[in-house]
């Protein structure tokens, strides 16, 4: 891990791998994880790329700005480009899962001159997400936890004692299993981490807000979707070809956390699409 001081005013812990002479890939994790989301992908991708995998702002030991507004999507997207600048990368492939995928969608639409290729794992296109929240009752029910998370407060001592009594903590607890339990709890127990992680939800635009016109992604895009995702239903990938002009879609028999829960098929899809061996 290295510590990167960015022009956006934050410092991020960053895992790097591969030859710096190779094309760059930036990996963006989601809630409530860290760069370790990509522990099965980093060695594979590093064979032909220079891999940059940050702990994003608010997570683990990276900077945790105090205000909710500091976690607005535009601030986090700015971190992505500042991170690329830190490593001298004008253009790069961007891969994101969950909240990292949401940021990746936005970054690709905002700066197609910099994001050359895009890979999304179980993170909805923003227009399709808002559309389904308006029109799809099942997705509204599946997304009900968002409103709860916006208002919840998680007591650190309760978390460390593993008394997972509310829905937000239960979602965290679902990840803290096996050999990763100690690592998750150690990251979540960093001062300010729980508040900062939840601030990603609090700072996001309100669910159901209209997006007009529908933003279109023009870069070559690979979407890998775990079809058993309980939070983001398969409706999220319906009609996606109208929103992404160069789309490759791979459906997996998996849940939400595809990077580690379905590591082998995810890696195979990445190898095939990226053209690496």
Protein backbone atom coordinates (compact mmCIF):
# COMPACT_ATOMS: atom_id res chain seq x y z
CA UNK A 1 0.00 0.00 0.00
CA UNK A 2 1.10 3.54 -0.67
CA UNK A 3 -0.33 6.82 0.61
CA UNK A 4 -1.41 9.18 -2.17
CA UNK A 5 -1.96 12.88 -1.46
CA UNK A 6 -4.43 14.15 -4.04
CA UNK A 7 -5.15 17.61 -5.41
CA UNK A 8 -8.70 17.24 -4.06
CA UNK A 9 -7.32 17.60 -0.55
CA UNK A 10 -7.68 13.99 0.59
CA UNK A 11 -5.14 11.26 1.17
CA UNK A 12 -5.97 7.75 0.04
CA UNK A 13 -4.36 4.43 0.79
CA UNK A 14 -3.80 2.76 -2.56
CA UNK A 15 -2.85 -0.78 -3.51
CA UNK A 16 -0.81 -0.89 -6.73
CA UNK A 17 0.33 -3.86 -8.77
CA UNK A 18 1.81 -4.58 -12.17
CA UNK A 19 4.27 -2.83 -14.43
CA UNK A 20 3.85 0.99 -14.46
CA UNK A 21 4.72 0.86 -18.17
CA UNK A 22 1.47 -0.99 -18.86
CA UNK A 23 -1.95 0.61 -19.43
CA UNK A 24 -3.64 1.71 -16.23
CA UNK A 25 -6.73 0.25 -14.59
CA UNK A 26 -8.39 1.96 -11.62
CA UNK A 27 -10.57 -0.22 -9.38
CA UNK A 28 -13.33 1.39 -7.29
CA UNK A 29 -14.84 -0.60 -4.43
CA UNK A 30 -18.31 -0.16 -2.98
CA UNK A 31 -20.03 -0.10 0.39
CA UNK A 32 -18.98 -1.29 2.92
CA UNK A 33 -15.67 -2.65 1.67
CA UNK A 34 -12.22 -1.41 0.63
CA UNK A 35 -9.58 -2.17 -1.99
CA UNK A 36 -9.78 -5.76 -0.72
CA UNK A 37 -12.98 -6.13 -2.77
CA UNK A 38 -10.60 -6.75 -5.65
CA UNK A 39 -8.23 -9.19 -3.96
CA UNK A 40 -9.00 -11.89 -6.56
CA UNK A 41 -8.83 -9.54 -9.55
CA UNK A 42 -5.69 -7.53 -8.78
CA UNK A 43 -3.18 -10.35 -9.51
CA UNK A 44 -5.02 -11.27 -12.70
CA UNK A 45 -5.25 -7.72 -14.01
CA UNK A 46 -1.66 -6.94 -13.07
CA UNK A 47 -0.40 -9.39 -15.70
CA UNK A 48 -1.06 -6.85 -18.42
CA UNK A 49 -1.96 -3.62 -16.63
CA UNK A 50 -0.79 -1.22 -13.99
CA UNK A 51 -3.49 -1.66 -11.34
CA UNK A 52 -4.51 1.16 -8.99
CA UNK A 53 -6.97 0.17 -6.24
CA UNK A 54 -7.69 2.87 -3.64
CA UNK A 55 -9.49 2.78 -0.35
CA UNK A 56 -11.88 5.56 -1.31
CA UNK A 57 -12.50 8.63 0.84
CA UNK A 58 -14.21 7.72 4.09
CA UNK A 59 -13.01 4.11 4.11
CA UNK A 60 -10.43 2.24 6.20
CA UNK A 61 -7.49 4.62 6.81
CA UNK A 62 -8.08 7.01 3.92
CA UNK A 63 -9.10 10.60 4.68
CA UNK A 64 -12.54 11.13 6.21
CA UNK A 65 -13.74 14.70 5.61
CA UNK A 66 -16.20 15.86 8.25
CA UNK A 67 -19.13 17.18 6.22
CA UNK A 68 -21.83 15.15 4.49
CA UNK A 69 -21.38 17.32 1.39
CA UNK A 70 -17.78 16.10 1.15
CA UNK A 71 -19.16 12.74 -0.03
CA UNK A 72 -21.24 14.05 -2.93
CA UNK A 73 -20.62 12.08 -6.13
CA UNK A 74 -18.87 14.97 -7.86
CA UNK A 75 -16.31 15.16 -5.05
CA UNK A 76 -15.62 11.43 -5.26
CA UNK A 77 -15.39 11.52 -9.06
CA UNK A 78 -12.84 14.29 -8.69
CA UNK A 79 -10.80 11.94 -6.50
CA UNK A 80 -10.73 9.41 -9.36
CA UNK A 81 -9.24 11.87 -11.82
CA UNK A 82 -6.87 13.29 -9.20
CA UNK A 83 -5.72 9.74 -8.47
CA UNK A 84 -5.01 9.16 -12.16
CA UNK A 85 -3.11 12.46 -12.23
CA UNK A 86 -1.11 11.37 -9.19
CA UNK A 87 0.15 8.41 -11.19
CA UNK A 88 0.60 10.41 -14.38
CA UNK A 89 -2.25 8.70 -16.22
CA UNK A 90 -4.27 10.79 -18.65
CA UNK A 91 -6.39 7.87 -19.89
CA UNK A 92 -7.33 4.65 -18.13
CA UNK A 93 -9.78 1.78 -17.82
CA UNK A 94 -12.19 2.23 -14.92
CA UNK A 95 -13.76 -0.70 -13.06
CA UNK A 96 -16.33 -0.25 -10.31
CA UNK A 97 -18.61 -2.32 -8.09
CA UNK A 98 -21.64 -1.12 -6.09
CA UNK A 99 -21.03 2.52 -5.05
CA UNK A 100 -17.71 2.36 -6.88
CA UNK A 101 -19.68 1.42 -9.97
CA UNK A 102 -21.99 4.39 -9.50
CA UNK A 103 -18.95 6.67 -9.41
CA UNK A 104 -17.51 4.87 -12.45
CA UNK A 105 -20.69 5.42 -14.48
CA UNK A 106 -20.59 9.12 -13.63
CA UNK A 107 -16.89 9.48 -14.36
CA UNK A 108 -17.25 7.78 -17.74
CA UNK A 109 -20.15 10.02 -18.76
CA UNK A 110 -18.44 13.16 -17.46
CA UNK A 111 -14.97 12.59 -18.91
CA UNK A 112 -15.01 10.22 -21.89
CA UNK A 113 -11.71 11.79 -22.90
CA UNK A 114 -10.11 10.20 -19.83
CA UNK A 115 -12.06 7.02 -19.18
CA UNK A 116 -11.16 4.88 -22.18
CA UNK A 117 -13.01 1.71 -21.17
CA UNK A 118 -15.54 0.97 -18.46
CA UNK A 119 -16.36 -2.15 -16.46
CA UNK A 120 -19.35 -2.24 -14.10
CA UNK A 121 -20.18 -4.96 -11.59
CA UNK A 122 -23.65 -4.82 -10.05
CA UNK A 123 -24.06 -1.06 -10.12
CA UNK A 124 -26.99 0.42 -12.03
CA UNK A 125 -26.81 3.02 -14.73
CA UNK A 126 -28.12 6.17 -12.97
CA UNK A 127 -30.97 6.76 -15.40
CA UNK A 128 -32.14 3.16 -15.27
CA UNK A 129 -31.97 3.16 -11.47
CA UNK A 130 -34.13 6.25 -11.15
CA UNK A 131 -36.50 4.86 -13.77
CA UNK A 132 -36.98 1.61 -11.85
CA UNK A 133 -37.42 3.42 -8.55
CA UNK A 134 -40.28 5.30 -10.19
CA UNK A 135 -41.87 2.42 -12.10
CA UNK A 136 -40.87 -0.87 -10.43
CA UNK A 137 -42.40 -1.66 -7.04
CA UNK A 138 -40.05 -4.60 -6.49
CA UNK A 139 -36.99 -2.39 -6.92
CA UNK A 140 -38.46 0.23 -4.61
CA UNK A 141 -38.84 -2.44 -1.94
CA UNK A 142 -35.32 -3.76 -2.57
CA UNK A 143 -33.95 -0.22 -2.21
CA UNK A 144 -35.82 0.50 1.01
CA UNK A 145 -32.65 0.17 3.04
CA UNK A 146 -31.29 3.37 1.45
CA UNK A 147 -33.68 5.62 3.35
CA UNK A 148 -32.91 3.75 6.54
CA UNK A 149 -29.16 4.12 6.07
CA UNK A 150 -29.52 7.87 5.44
CA UNK A 151 -31.01 8.30 8.91
CA UNK A 152 -29.26 5.64 10.95
CA UNK A 153 -26.44 6.10 13.41
CA UNK A 154 -24.23 3.11 14.12
CA UNK A 155 -22.55 3.04 17.47
CA UNK A 156 -18.97 1.88 17.09
CA UNK A 157 -18.97 -0.18 20.28
CA UNK A 158 -22.06 -2.05 19.10
CA UNK A 159 -20.35 -2.81 15.83
CA UNK A 160 -17.20 -4.12 17.45
CA UNK A 161 -19.24 -6.24 19.83
CA UNK A 162 -21.00 -7.67 16.76
CA UNK A 163 -24.45 -6.94 18.18
CA UNK A 164 -25.90 -6.38 14.75
CA UNK A 165 -29.29 -5.05 15.79
CA UNK A 166 -30.33 -2.74 12.96
CA UNK A 167 -30.69 -3.24 9.24
CA UNK A 168 -27.67 -1.17 8.23
CA UNK A 169 -25.41 -3.14 10.54
CA UNK A 170 -26.97 -6.40 9.40
CA UNK A 171 -25.88 -5.62 5.87
CA UNK A 172 -22.36 -5.01 7.15
CA UNK A 173 -22.48 -8.19 9.21
CA UNK A 174 -23.31 -10.23 6.13
CA UNK A 175 -19.83 -9.41 4.83
CA UNK A 176 -17.91 -9.95 8.04
CA UNK A 177 -17.61 -13.70 7.63
CA UNK A 178 -14.87 -16.27 7.47
CA UNK A 179 -11.30 -15.09 7.19
CA UNK A 180 -12.38 -11.55 6.31
CA UNK A 181 -14.36 -10.86 9.47
CA UNK A 182 -11.40 -9.46 11.40
CA UNK A 183 -10.25 -7.36 8.43
CA UNK A 184 -13.70 -5.84 7.95
CA UNK A 185 -14.13 -5.02 11.60
CA UNK A 186 -10.66 -3.49 11.73
CA UNK A 187 -11.45 -1.21 8.78
CA UNK A 188 -14.88 -0.23 10.06
CA UNK A 189 -13.50 0.54 13.51
CA UNK A 190 -11.16 3.28 12.28
CA UNK A 191 -12.09 6.64 13.84
CA UNK A 192 -14.89 8.22 11.84
CA UNK A 193 -15.18 5.36 9.39
CA UNK A 194 -18.76 4.34 10.09
CA UNK A 195 -20.08 7.90 9.76
CA UNK A 196 -18.02 8.54 6.64
CA UNK A 197 -19.14 5.33 4.92
CA UNK A 198 -22.80 6.15 5.55
CA UNK A 199 -22.25 9.70 4.32
CA UNK A 200 -21.93 8.33 0.78
CA UNK A 201 -25.64 7.54 1.01
CA UNK A 202 -26.55 10.78 2.76
CA UNK A 203 -24.79 12.94 0.16
CA UNK A 204 -26.24 11.18 -2.87
CA UNK A 205 -29.17 12.63 -4.85
CA UNK A 206 -32.50 11.53 -3.47
CA UNK A 207 -33.83 8.29 -4.88
CA UNK A 208 -36.50 8.82 -7.50
CA UNK A 209 -35.15 12.11 -8.81
CA UNK A 210 -35.62 12.38 -12.57
CA UNK A 211 -32.67 12.42 -14.94
CA UNK A 212 -33.29 14.15 -18.23
CA UNK A 213 -32.08 13.64 -20.84
CA UNK A 214 -30.92 10.06 -20.32
CA UNK A 215 -27.10 10.11 -20.11
CA UNK A 216 -25.45 7.78 -22.63
CA UNK A 217 -22.10 6.05 -22.21
CA UNK A 218 -20.06 5.95 -25.42
CA UNK A 219 -16.98 4.01 -24.27
CA UNK A 220 -16.63 0.25 -24.73
CA UNK A 221 -18.38 -1.04 -21.61
CA UNK A 222 -18.52 -4.44 -19.93
CA UNK A 223 -21.33 -4.97 -17.44
CA UNK A 224 -21.05 -8.05 -15.21
CA UNK A 225 -24.26 -8.73 -13.31
CA UNK A 226 -24.99 -11.17 -10.50
CA UNK A 227 -28.58 -12.10 -11.25
CA UNK A 228 -29.36 -13.05 -7.63
CA UNK A 229 -28.63 -9.56 -6.31
CA UNK A 230 -31.20 -8.82 -3.59
CA UNK A 231 -30.51 -5.08 -3.62
CA UNK A 232 -30.29 -4.33 -7.34
CA UNK A 233 -32.74 -6.47 -9.27
CA UNK A 234 -32.30 -7.77 -12.84
CA UNK A 235 -34.56 -4.95 -14.06
CA UNK A 236 -31.44 -2.76 -13.82
CA UNK A 237 -29.96 -4.33 -16.95
CA UNK A 238 -33.15 -4.23 -19.04
CA UNK A 239 -32.85 -1.78 -21.91
CA UNK A 240 -29.24 -1.02 -21.01
CA UNK A 241 -28.18 -1.22 -24.65
CA UNK A 242 -30.11 2.00 -25.27
CA UNK A 243 -27.96 3.76 -22.68
CA UNK A 244 -24.58 2.26 -23.60
CA UNK A 245 -23.59 2.39 -27.25
CA UNK A 246 -20.89 -0.32 -27.05
CA UNK A 247 -22.15 -2.82 -24.48
CA UNK A 248 -21.03 -6.30 -23.51
CA UNK A 249 -23.27 -7.89 -20.88
CA UNK A 250 -22.28 -10.94 -18.83
CA UNK A 251 -24.87 -12.47 -16.50
CA UNK A 252 -23.70 -14.58 -13.57
CA UNK A 253 -25.50 -16.93 -11.22
CA UNK A 254 -24.37 -14.88 -8.24
CA UNK A 255 -25.51 -12.30 -5.73
CA UNK A 256 -24.45 -8.70 -5.25
CA UNK A 257 -20.81 -9.13 -4.24
CA UNK A 258 -19.55 -10.60 -7.49
CA UNK A 259 -15.84 -9.58 -7.29
CA UNK A 260 -15.14 -12.04 -4.48
CA UNK A 261 -18.25 -14.24 -4.35
CA UNK A 262 -17.96 -15.12 -8.06
CA UNK A 263 -14.27 -14.43 -8.55
CA UNK A 264 -13.53 -17.11 -11.14
CA UNK A 265 -16.27 -16.16 -13.65
CA UNK A 266 -15.60 -12.46 -13.06
CA UNK A 267 -11.92 -12.95 -13.84
CA UNK A 268 -12.77 -15.00 -16.92
CA UNK A 269 -15.08 -12.27 -18.20
CA UNK A 270 -12.42 -9.61 -17.58
CA UNK A 271 -9.73 -11.64 -19.35
CA UNK A 272 -11.96 -12.23 -22.36
CA UNK A 273 -13.11 -8.63 -22.66
CA UNK A 274 -9.78 -6.99 -21.95
CA UNK A 275 -8.00 -9.41 -24.26
CA UNK A 276 -5.49 -10.54 -21.64
CA UNK A 277 -4.28 -14.06 -20.84
